[in-house]
PDB file of N, CA and C in Angstrom:
ATOM      1  N   MET A   1       0.847  -1.169   0.000  1.00  0.00           N
ATOM      2  CA  MET A   1       0.000   0.000   0.000  1.00  0.00           C
ATOM      3  C   MET A   1       0.898   1.240   0.000  1.00  0.00           C
ATOM      4  N   ALA A   2       0.667   2.149  -0.934  1.00  0.00           N
ATOM      5  CA  ALA A   2       1.451   3.379  -1.021  1.00  0.00           C
ATOM      6  C   ALA A   2       0.935   4.412  -0.025  1.00  0.00           C
ATOM      7  N   PHE A   3       1.836   5.247   0.465  1.00  0.00           N
ATOM      8  CA  PHE A   3       1.445   6.328   1.357  1.00  0.00           C
ATOM      9  C   PHE A   3       2.343   7.525   1.081  1.00  0.00           C
ATOM     10  N   GLU A   4       1.829   8.713   1.364  1.00  0.00           N
ATOM     11  CA  GLU A   4       2.609   9.928   1.188  1.00  0.00           C
ATOM     12  C   GLU A   4       3.377  10.234   2.456  1.00  0.00           C
ATOM     13  N   GLN A   5       4.632  10.647   2.292  1.00  0.00           N
ATOM     14  CA  GLN A   5       5.475  11.017   3.416  1.00  0.00           C
ATOM     15  C   GLN A   5       5.804  12.492   3.274  1.00  0.00           C
ATOM     16  N   HIS A   6       5.493  13.290   4.292  1.00  0.00           N
ATOM     17  CA  HIS A   6       5.677  14.733   4.183  1.00  0.00           C
ATOM     18  C   HIS A   6       6.724  15.308   5.121  1.00  0.00           C
ATOM     19  N   THR A   7       7.392  14.503   5.913  1.00  0.00           N
ATOM     20  CA  THR A   7       8.370  15.017   6.851  1.00  0.00           C
ATOM     21  C   THR A   7       9.710  14.348   6.611  1.00  0.00           C
ATOM     22  N   ILE A   8      10.745  15.166   6.493  1.00  0.00           N
ATOM     23  CA  ILE A   8      12.106  14.653   6.387  1.00  0.00           C
ATOM     24  C   ILE A   8      12.927  15.348   7.458  1.00  0.00           C
ATOM     25  N   GLU A   9      13.623  14.569   8.242  1.00  0.00           N
ATOM     26  CA  GLU A   9      14.430  15.132   9.325  1.00  0.00           C
ATOM     27  C   GLU A   9      15.897  14.967   8.989  1.00  0.00           C
ATOM     28  N   ARG A  10      16.679  16.051   9.142  1.00  0.00           N
ATOM     29  CA  ARG A  10      18.117  15.987   8.935  1.00  0.00           C
ATOM     30  C   ARG A  10      18.817  15.658  10.234  1.00  0.00           C
ATOM     31  N   THR A  11      19.860  14.866  10.140  1.00  0.00           N
ATOM     32  CA  THR A  11      20.696  14.568  11.288  1.00  0.00           C
ATOM     33  C   THR A  11      21.447  15.832  11.683  1.00  0.00           C
ATOM     34  N   PRO A  12      21.500  16.182  12.972  1.00  0.00           N
ATOM     35  CA  PRO A  12      22.246  17.376  13.382  1.00  0.00           C
ATOM     36  C   PRO A  12      23.688  17.323  12.873  1.00  0.00           C
ATOM     37  N   GLY A  13      24.148  18.436  12.328  1.00  0.00           N
ATOM     38  CA  GLY A  13      25.502  18.507  11.785  1.00  0.00           C
ATOM     39  C   GLY A  13      25.595  18.182  10.303  1.00  0.00           C
ATOM     40  N   SER A  14      24.510  17.659   9.724  1.00  0.00           N
ATOM     41  CA  SER A  14      24.514  17.327   8.303  1.00  0.00           C
ATOM     42  C   SER A  14      24.436  18.587   7.460  1.00  0.00           C
ATOM     43  N   ASN A  15      25.155  18.609   6.342  1.00  0.00           N
ATOM     44  CA  ASN A  15      25.059  19.748   5.439  1.00  0.00           C
ATOM     45  C   ASN A  15      24.274  19.394   4.176  1.00  0.00           C
ATOM     46  N   ARG A  16      23.573  18.294   4.207  1.00  0.00           N
ATOM     47  CA  ARG A  16      22.680  17.896   3.127  1.00  0.00           C
ATOM     48  C   ARG A  16      21.316  17.647   3.726  1.00  0.00           C
ATOM     49  N   PRO A  17      20.226  17.876   3.053  1.00  0.00           N
ATOM     50  CA  PRO A  17      20.167  18.230   1.654  1.00  0.00           C
ATOM     51  C   PRO A  17      20.569  19.676   1.417  1.00  0.00           C
ATOM     52  N   ALA A  18      21.032  19.945   0.207  1.00  0.00           N
ATOM     53  CA  ALA A  18      21.484  21.290  -0.136  1.00  0.00           C
ATOM     54  C   ALA A  18      20.319  22.270  -0.177  1.00  0.00           C
ATOM     55  N   LEU A  19      19.156  21.787  -0.529  1.00  0.00           N
ATOM     56  CA  LEU A  19      17.965  22.626  -0.579  1.00  0.00           C
ATOM     57  C   LEU A  19      17.226  22.500   0.743  1.00  0.00           C
ATOM     58  N   GLN A  20      16.879  23.618   1.338  1.00  0.00           N
ATOM     59  CA  GLN A  20      16.268  23.583   2.672  1.00  0.00           C
ATOM     60  C   GLN A  20      14.790  23.219   2.654  1.00  0.00           C
ATOM     61  N   ASP A  21      14.123  23.369   1.504  1.00  0.00           N
ATOM     62  CA  ASP A  21      12.680  23.126   1.473  1.00  0.00           C
ATOM     63  C   ASP A  21      12.298  21.793   0.843  1.00  0.00           C
ATOM     64  N   ARG A  22      13.275  21.006   0.421  1.00  0.00           N
ATOM     65  CA  ARG A  22      12.947  19.722  -0.205  1.00  0.00           C
ATOM     66  C   ARG A  22      14.161  18.804  -0.237  1.00  0.00           C
ATOM     67  N   CYS A  23      13.890  17.564  -0.442  1.00  0.00           N
ATOM     68  CA  CYS A  23      14.925  16.552  -0.644  1.00  0.00           C
ATOM     69  C   CYS A  23      14.654  15.918  -2.001  1.00  0.00           C
ATOM     70  N   ILE A  24      15.657  15.842  -2.840  1.00  0.00           N
ATOM     71  CA  ILE A  24      15.508  15.260  -4.166  1.00  0.00           C
ATOM     72  C   ILE A  24      16.166  13.890  -4.157  1.00  0.00           C
ATOM     73  N   ILE A  25      15.429  12.890  -4.633  1.00  0.00           N
ATOM     74  CA  ILE A  25      15.961  11.527  -4.705  1.00  0.00           C
ATOM     75  C   ILE A  25      15.728  11.008  -6.119  1.00  0.00           C
ATOM     76  N   GLY A  26      16.758  10.461  -6.710  1.00  0.00           N
ATOM     77  CA  GLY A  26      16.648   9.839  -8.029  1.00  0.00           C
ATOM     78  C   GLY A  26      17.216   8.438  -7.980  1.00  0.00           C
ATOM     79  N   VAL A  27      16.587   7.534  -8.685  1.00  0.00           N
ATOM     80  CA  VAL A  27      17.034   6.146  -8.722  1.00  0.00           C
ATOM     81  C   VAL A  27      17.189   5.713 -10.176  1.00  0.00           C
ATOM     82  N   LEU A  28      18.335   5.180 -10.506  1.00  0.00           N
ATOM     83  CA  LEU A  28      18.589   4.605 -11.826  1.00  0.00           C
ATOM     84  C   LEU A  28      18.953   3.139 -11.607  1.00  0.00           C
ATOM     85  N   VAL A  29      18.134   2.247 -12.111  1.00  0.00           N
ATOM     86  CA  VAL A  29      18.340   0.816 -11.906  1.00  0.00           C
ATOM     87  C   VAL A  29      18.877   0.191 -13.187  1.00  0.00           C
ATOM     88  N   ALA A  30      19.863  -0.667 -13.038  1.00  0.00           N
ATOM     89  CA  ALA A  30      20.422  -1.463 -14.139  1.00  0.00           C
ATOM     90  C   ALA A  30      20.993  -0.591 -15.260  1.00  0.00           C
ATOM     91  N   VAL A  31      21.872   0.347 -14.897  1.00  0.00           N
ATOM     92  CA  VAL A  31      22.596   1.142 -15.892  1.00  0.00           C
ATOM     93  C   VAL A  31      23.682   0.235 -16.478  1.00  0.00           C
ATOM     94  N   ALA A  32      23.715   0.117 -17.792  1.00  0.00           N
ATOM     95  CA  ALA A  32      24.654  -0.802 -18.445  1.00  0.00           C
ATOM     96  C   ALA A  32      26.080  -0.262 -18.425  1.00  0.00           C
ATOM     97  N   ASN A  33      27.023  -1.155 -18.170  1.00  0.00           N
ATOM     98  CA  ASN A  33      28.442  -0.832 -18.279  1.00  0.00           C
ATOM     99  C   ASN A  33      29.106  -1.808 -19.235  1.00  0.00           C
ATOM    100  N   GLY A  34      30.158  -1.332 -19.892  1.00  0.00           N
ATOM    101  CA  GLY A  34      30.910  -2.182 -20.804  1.00  0.00           C
ATOM    102  C   GLY A  34      31.833  -3.126 -20.061  1.00  0.00           C
ATOM    103  N   ALA A  35      32.423  -4.033 -20.796  1.00  0.00           N
ATOM    104  CA  ALA A  35      33.367  -4.992 -20.220  1.00  0.00           C
ATOM    105  C   ALA A  35      34.747  -4.359 -20.120  1.00  0.00           C
ATOM    106  N   GLY A  36      35.519  -4.834 -19.162  1.00  0.00           N
ATOM    107  CA  GLY A  36      36.898  -4.381 -19.017  1.00  0.00           C
ATOM    108  C   GLY A  36      37.768  -4.949 -20.118  1.00  0.00           C
ATOM    109  N   GLY A  37      38.863  -4.244 -20.429  1.00  0.00           N
ATOM    110  CA  GLY A  37      39.753  -4.673 -21.497  1.00  0.00           C
ATOM    111  C   GLY A  37      40.755  -5.722 -21.082  1.00  0.00           C
ATOM    112  N   GLY A  38      40.816  -6.041 -19.796  1.00  0.00           N
ATOM    113  CA  GLY A  38      41.768  -7.030 -19.306  1.00  0.00           C
ATOM    114  C   GLY A  38      41.798  -7.028 -17.794  1.00  0.00           C
ATOM    115  N   ALA A  39      42.618  -7.886 -17.242  1.00  0.00           N
ATOM    116  CA  ALA A  39      42.708  -8.029 -15.795  1.00  0.00           C
ATOM    117  C   ALA A  39      43.082  -6.706 -15.141  1.00  0.00           C
ATOM    118  N   GLY A  40      42.312  -6.302 -14.147  1.00  0.00           N
ATOM    119  CA  GLY A  40      42.601  -5.115 -13.370  1.00  0.00           C
ATOM    120  C   GLY A  40      42.217  -3.798 -14.013  1.00  0.00           C
ATOM    121  N   GLN A  41      41.715  -3.806 -15.236  1.00  0.00           N
ATOM    122  CA  GLN A  41      41.394  -2.551 -15.923  1.00  0.00           C
ATOM    123  C   GLN A  41      40.013  -2.048 -15.525  1.00  0.00           C
ATOM    124  N   SER A  42      39.908  -0.731 -15.370  1.00  0.00           N
ATOM    125  CA  SER A  42      38.648  -0.106 -14.976  1.00  0.00           C
ATOM    126  C   SER A  42      37.762   0.127 -16.192  1.00  0.00           C
ATOM    127  N   VAL A  43      36.480   0.378 -15.913  1.00  0.00           N
ATOM    128  CA  VAL A  43      35.493   0.710 -16.944  1.00  0.00           C
ATOM    129  C   VAL A  43      34.811   1.998 -16.502  1.00  0.00           C
ATOM    130  N   THR A  44      34.716   2.975 -17.394  1.00  0.00           N
ATOM    131  CA  THR A  44      34.039   4.236 -17.095  1.00  0.00           C
ATOM    132  C   THR A  44      32.773   4.330 -17.928  1.00  0.00           C
ATOM    133  N   THR A  45      31.662   4.673 -17.254  1.00  0.00           N
ATOM    134  CA  THR A  45      30.367   4.814 -17.914  1.00  0.00           C
ATOM    135  C   THR A  45      29.824   6.208 -17.642  1.00  0.00           C
ATOM    136  N   ALA A  46      29.498   6.937 -18.708  1.00  0.00           N
ATOM    137  CA  ALA A  46      28.889   8.259 -18.562  1.00  0.00           C
ATOM    138  C   ALA A  46      27.389   8.092 -18.324  1.00  0.00           C
ATOM    139  N   VAL A  47      26.885   8.789 -17.317  1.00  0.00           N
ATOM    140  CA  VAL A  47      25.446   8.846 -17.035  1.00  0.00           C
ATOM    141  C   VAL A  47      25.034  10.275 -17.351  1.00  0.00           C
ATOM    142  N   ALA A  48      24.216  10.461 -18.389  1.00  0.00           N
ATOM    143  CA  ALA A  48      23.914  11.808 -18.877  1.00  0.00           C
ATOM    144  C   ALA A  48      22.419  11.982 -19.111  1.00  0.00           C
ATOM    145  N   GLY A  49      22.046  13.200 -19.489  1.00  0.00           N
ATOM    146  CA  GLY A  49      20.661  13.502 -19.792  1.00  0.00           C
ATOM    147  C   GLY A  49      19.806  13.753 -18.562  1.00  0.00           C
ATOM    148  N   LEU A  50      20.439  14.097 -17.440  1.00  0.00           N
ATOM    149  CA  LEU A  50      19.724  14.344 -16.193  1.00  0.00           C
ATOM    150  C   LEU A  50      19.599  15.847 -15.952  1.00  0.00           C
ATOM    151  N   ARG A  51      18.720  16.216 -15.044  1.00  0.00           N
ATOM    152  CA  ARG A  51      18.632  17.607 -14.559  1.00  0.00           C
ATOM    153  C   ARG A  51      18.902  17.563 -13.068  1.00  0.00           C
ATOM    154  N   LEU A  52      20.090  17.981 -12.678  1.00  0.00           N
ATOM    155  CA  LEU A  52      20.535  17.845 -11.298  1.00  0.00           C
ATOM    156  C   LEU A  52      20.795  19.219 -10.681  1.00  0.00           C
ATOM    157  N   PRO A  53      20.633  19.341  -9.344  1.00  0.00           N
ATOM    158  CA  PRO A  53      20.977  20.600  -8.682  1.00  0.00           C
ATOM    159  C   PRO A  53      22.492  20.763  -8.612  1.00  0.00           C
ATOM    160  N   ALA A  54      22.930  21.936  -8.190  1.00  0.00           N
ATOM    161  CA  ALA A  54      24.365  22.228  -8.126  1.00  0.00           C
ATOM    162  C   ALA A  54      25.109  21.304  -7.159  1.00  0.00           C
ATOM    163  N   ALA A  55      24.466  20.913  -6.061  1.00  0.00           N
ATOM    164  CA  ALA A  55      25.100  20.024  -5.083  1.00  0.00           C
ATOM    165  C   ALA A  55      24.254  18.760  -4.937  1.00  0.00           C
ATOM    166  N   TYR A  56      24.876  17.611  -5.148  1.00  0.00           N
ATOM    167  CA  TYR A  56      24.182  16.334  -4.991  1.00  0.00           C
ATOM    168  C   TYR A  56      25.197  15.247  -4.680  1.00  0.00           C
ATOM    169  N   ASP A  57      24.688  14.164  -4.130  1.00  0.00           N
ATOM    170  CA  ASP A  57      25.519  13.008  -3.806  1.00  0.00           C
ATOM    171  C   ASP A  57      25.055  11.823  -4.635  1.00  0.00           C
ATOM    172  N   VAL A  58      26.004  10.950  -4.990  1.00  0.00           N
ATOM    173  CA  VAL A  58      25.697   9.776  -5.798  1.00  0.00           C
ATOM    174  C   VAL A  58      26.221   8.539  -5.075  1.00  0.00           C
ATOM    175  N   ILE A  59      25.356   7.550  -4.948  1.00  0.00           N
ATOM    176  CA  ILE A  59      25.741   6.266  -4.359  1.00  0.00           C
ATOM    177  C   ILE A  59      25.575   5.212  -5.440  1.00  0.00           C
ATOM    178  N   VAL A  60      26.626   4.439  -5.698  1.00  0.00           N
ATOM    179  CA  VAL A  60      26.612   3.449  -6.762  1.00  0.00           C
ATOM    180  C   VAL A  60      26.750   2.050  -6.165  1.00  0.00           C
ATOM    181  N   THR A  61      25.915   1.131  -6.644  1.00  0.00           N
ATOM    182  CA  THR A  61      26.010  -0.277  -6.259  1.00  0.00           C
ATOM    183  C   THR A  61      26.348  -1.091  -7.500  1.00  0.00           C
ATOM    184  N   PRO A  62      27.592  -1.575  -7.629  1.00  0.00           N
ATOM    185  CA  PRO A  62      27.926  -2.420  -8.775  1.00  0.00           C
ATOM    186  C   PRO A  62      27.253  -3.777  -8.624  1.00  0.00           C
ATOM    187  N   ASN A  63      26.808  -4.338  -9.727  1.00  0.00           N
ATOM    188  CA  ASN A  63      26.178  -5.660  -9.685  1.00  0.00           C
ATOM    189  C   ASN A  63      27.156  -6.758 -10.086  1.00  0.00           C
ATOM    190  N   GLN A  64      28.417  -6.538  -9.724  1.00  0.00           N
ATOM    191  CA  GLN A  64      29.470  -7.539  -9.870  1.00  0.00           C
ATOM    192  C   GLN A  64      30.562  -7.207  -8.864  1.00  0.00           C
ATOM    193  N   ASP A  65      31.582  -8.029  -8.793  1.00  0.00           N
ATOM    194  CA  ASP A  65      32.637  -7.857  -7.797  1.00  0.00           C
ATOM    195  C   ASP A  65      33.546  -6.699  -8.193  1.00  0.00           C
ATOM    196  N   ALA A  66      33.092  -5.483  -7.874  1.00  0.00           N
ATOM    197  CA  ALA A  66      33.813  -4.285  -8.281  1.00  0.00           C
ATOM    198  C   ALA A  66      33.650  -3.206  -7.223  1.00  0.00           C
ATOM    199  N   VAL A  67      34.524  -2.226  -7.302  1.00  0.00           N
ATOM    200  CA  VAL A  67      34.459  -1.032  -6.459  1.00  0.00           C
ATOM    201  C   VAL A  67      34.115   0.130  -7.385  1.00  0.00           C
ATOM    202  N   ALA A  68      33.184   0.996  -6.956  1.00  0.00           N
ATOM    203  CA  ALA A  68      32.740   2.092  -7.814  1.00  0.00           C
ATOM    204  C   ALA A  68      33.051   3.446  -7.188  1.00  0.00           C
ATOM    205  N   TYR A  69      33.326   4.431  -8.043  1.00  0.00           N
ATOM    206  CA  TYR A  69      33.396   5.809  -7.595  1.00  0.00           C
ATOM    207  C   TYR A  69      32.886   6.716  -8.711  1.00  0.00           C
ATOM    208  N   VAL A  70      32.557   7.961  -8.359  1.00  0.00           N
ATOM    209  CA  VAL A  70      31.926   8.906  -9.276  1.00  0.00           C
ATOM    210  C   VAL A  70      32.890  10.041  -9.575  1.00  0.00           C
ATOM    211  N   THR A  71      32.960  10.439 -10.848  1.00  0.00           N
ATOM    212  CA  THR A  71      33.790  11.562 -11.271  1.00  0.00           C
ATOM    213  C   THR A  71      32.967  12.475 -12.186  1.00  0.00           C
ATOM    214  N   SER A  72      33.516  13.625 -12.497  1.00  0.00           N
ATOM    215  CA  SER A  72      32.975  14.540 -13.508  1.00  0.00           C
ATOM    216  C   SER A  72      31.513  14.912 -13.284  1.00  0.00           C
ATOM    217  N   LYS A  73      31.166  15.260 -12.039  1.00  0.00           N
ATOM    218  CA  LYS A  73      29.781  15.645 -11.740  1.00  0.00           C
ATOM    219  C   LYS A  73      29.457  16.999 -12.351  1.00  0.00           C
ATOM    220  N   THR A  74      28.326  17.066 -13.081  1.00  0.00           N
ATOM    221  CA  THR A  74      27.826  18.301 -13.673  1.00  0.00           C
ATOM    222  C   THR A  74      26.336  18.402 -13.384  1.00  0.00           C
ATOM    223  N   LEU A  75      25.701  19.425 -13.922  1.00  0.00           N
ATOM    224  CA  LEU A  75      24.254  19.595 -13.746  1.00  0.00           C
ATOM    225  C   LEU A  75      23.449  18.625 -14.602  1.00  0.00           C
ATOM    226  N   THR A  76      24.109  17.950 -15.553  1.00  0.00           N
ATOM    227  CA  THR A  76      23.384  17.036 -16.436  1.00  0.00           C
ATOM    228  C   THR A  76      23.831  15.586 -16.324  1.00  0.00           C
ATOM    229  N   GLY A  77      24.792  15.307 -15.446  1.00  0.00           N
ATOM    230  CA  GLY A  77      25.210  13.919 -15.291  1.00  0.00           C
ATOM    231  C   GLY A  77      26.547  13.781 -14.596  1.00  0.00           C
ATOM    232  N   PHE A  78      27.122  12.604 -14.732  1.00  0.00           N
ATOM    233  CA  PHE A  78      28.374  12.264 -14.061  1.00  0.00           C
ATOM    234  C   PHE A  78      28.915  10.998 -14.705  1.00  0.00           C
ATOM    235  N   SER A  79      30.116  10.607 -14.327  1.00  0.00           N
ATOM    236  CA  SER A  79      30.705   9.348 -14.785  1.00  0.00           C
ATOM    237  C   SER A  79      30.873   8.408 -13.608  1.00  0.00           C
ATOM    238  N   VAL A  80      30.644   7.134 -13.858  1.00  0.00           N
ATOM    239  CA  VAL A  80      30.852   6.090 -12.855  1.00  0.00           C
ATOM    240  C   VAL A  80      32.030   5.240 -13.308  1.00  0.00           C
ATOM    241  N   VAL A  81      33.014   5.097 -12.440  1.00  0.00           N
ATOM    242  CA  VAL A  81      34.186   4.281 -12.724  1.00  0.00           C
ATOM    243  C   VAL A  81      34.084   3.011 -11.888  1.00  0.00           C
ATOM    244  N   LEU A  82      34.164   1.865 -12.560  1.00  0.00           N
ATOM    245  CA  LEU A  82      34.178   0.572 -11.876  1.00  0.00           C
ATOM    246  C   LEU A  82      35.581  -0.001 -11.970  1.00  0.00           C
ATOM    247  N   ASN A  83      36.109  -0.441 -10.845  1.00  0.00           N
ATOM    248  CA  ASN A  83      37.394  -1.129 -10.777  1.00  0.00           C
ATOM    249  C   ASN A  83      37.153  -2.535 -10.259  1.00  0.00           C
ATOM    250  N   PRO A  84      37.799  -3.544 -10.858  1.00  0.00           N
ATOM    251  CA  PRO A  84      37.661  -4.881 -10.284  1.00  0.00           C
ATOM    252  C   PRO A  84      38.238  -4.884  -8.873  1.00  0.00           C
ATOM    253  N   ARG A  85      37.567  -5.573  -7.967  1.00  0.00           N
ATOM    254  CA  ARG A  85      38.031  -5.604  -6.578  1.00  0.00           C
ATOM    255  C   ARG A  85      39.390  -6.283  -6.468  1.00  0.00           C
ATOM    256  N   LEU A  86      39.628  -7.280  -7.284  1.00  0.00           N
ATOM    257  CA  LEU A  86      40.915  -7.973  -7.294  1.00  0.00           C
ATOM    258  C   LEU A  86      41.627  -7.663  -8.603  1.00  0.00           C
ATOM    259  N   ALA A  87      42.918  -7.365  -8.550  1.00  0.00           N
ATOM    260  CA  ALA A  87      43.681  -6.965  -9.734  1.00  0.00           C
ATOM    261  C   ALA A  87      43.718  -8.054 -10.806  1.00  0.00           C
ATOM    262  N   ALA A  88      43.520  -9.302 -10.445  1.00  0.00           N
ATOM    263  CA  ALA A  88      43.559 -10.406 -11.415  1.00  0.00           C
ATOM    264  C   ALA A  88      42.227 -10.568 -12.150  1.00  0.00           C
ATOM    265  N   ASN A  89      41.180  -9.870 -11.708  1.00  0.00           N
ATOM    266  CA  ASN A  89      39.855 -10.030 -12.313  1.00  0.00           C
ATOM    267  C   ASN A  89      39.657  -9.063 -13.478  1.00  0.00           C
ATOM    268  N   THR A  90      38.803  -9.479 -14.417  1.00  0.00           N
ATOM    269  CA  THR A  90      38.381  -8.631 -15.529  1.00  0.00           C
ATOM    270  C   THR A  90      36.895  -8.353 -15.368  1.00  0.00           C
ATOM    271  N   LEU A  91      36.502  -7.088 -15.491  1.00  0.00           N
ATOM    272  CA  LEU A  91      35.084  -6.733 -15.357  1.00  0.00           C
ATOM    273  C   LEU A  91      34.289  -7.254 -16.542  1.00  0.00           C
ATOM    274  N   ALA A  92      33.111  -7.763 -16.259  1.00  0.00           N
ATOM    275  CA  ALA A  92      32.203  -8.232 -17.301  1.00  0.00           C
ATOM    276  C   ALA A  92      31.266  -7.098 -17.694  1.00  0.00           C
ATOM    277  N   ALA A  93      30.725  -7.169 -18.911  1.00  0.00           N
ATOM    278  CA  ALA A  93      29.648  -6.249 -19.270  1.00  0.00           C
ATOM    279  C   ALA A  93      28.503  -6.576 -18.326  1.00  0.00           C
ATOM    280  N   GLY A  94      27.922  -5.571 -17.732  1.00  0.00           N
ATOM    281  CA  GLY A  94      26.872  -5.812 -16.750  1.00  0.00           C
ATOM    282  C   GLY A  94      26.135  -4.536 -16.445  1.00  0.00           C
ATOM    283  N   THR A  95      25.705  -4.393 -15.193  1.00  0.00           N
ATOM    284  CA  THR A  95      24.946  -3.211 -14.786  1.00  0.00           C
ATOM    285  C   THR A  95      25.367  -2.755 -13.400  1.00  0.00           C
ATOM    286  N   PHE A  96      24.985  -1.505 -13.092  1.00  0.00           N
ATOM    287  CA  PHE A  96      25.108  -0.982 -11.733  1.00  0.00           C
ATOM    288  C   PHE A  96      23.869  -0.163 -11.450  1.00  0.00           C
ATOM    289  N   ASP A  97      23.565   0.025 -10.163  1.00  0.00           N
ATOM    290  CA  ASP A  97      22.418   0.806  -9.730  1.00  0.00           C
ATOM    291  C   ASP A  97      22.902   2.115  -9.108  1.00  0.00           C
ATOM    292  N   VAL A  98      22.115   3.185  -9.245  1.00  0.00           N
ATOM    293  CA  VAL A  98      22.521   4.507  -8.784  1.00  0.00           C
ATOM    294  C   VAL A  98      21.420   5.120  -7.929  1.00  0.00           C
ATOM    295  N   LEU A  99      21.814   5.718  -6.816  1.00  0.00           N
ATOM    296  CA  LEU A  99      20.920   6.525  -5.976  1.00  0.00           C
ATOM    297  C   LEU A  99      21.493   7.929  -5.937  1.00  0.00           C
ATOM    298  N   ILE A 100      20.682   8.915  -6.308  1.00  0.00           N
ATOM    299  CA  ILE A 100      21.090  10.321  -6.288  1.00  0.00           C
ATOM    300  C   ILE A 100      20.288  11.023  -5.205  1.00  0.00           C
ATOM    301  N   VAL A 101      20.980  11.763  -4.321  1.00  0.00           N
ATOM    302  CA  VAL A 101      20.324  12.480  -3.228  1.00  0.00           C
ATOM    303  C   VAL A 101      20.814  13.916  -3.227  1.00  0.00           C
ATOM    304  N   ALA A 102      19.866  14.842  -3.123  1.00  0.00           N
ATOM    305  CA  ALA A 102      20.238  16.252  -3.044  1.00  0.00           C
ATOM    306  C   ALA A 102      19.359  16.941  -2.021  1.00  0.00           C
TER     307      ALA A 102
END
């Protein structure tokens, strides 16, 4: 059963959300990434075509044994870099999930 939630409480000391009158949440599920070129090589995927505020946070969940980080944040997108967790592994073509909070 769906319900509307109208109250958001910030943890004392938090500097987010950047906007004082609202919290923006975006979810991107199963964003495709390419395969790595060899053992230990990273894969970078551009996520574009978004409308984002000046300050936002991105949380990435890789759907394979990888470590993710975000670079090149702009008002219209960002890049996600996946690194294999072990240097001997090669990343497979797959997906990752994204949570955007502002």
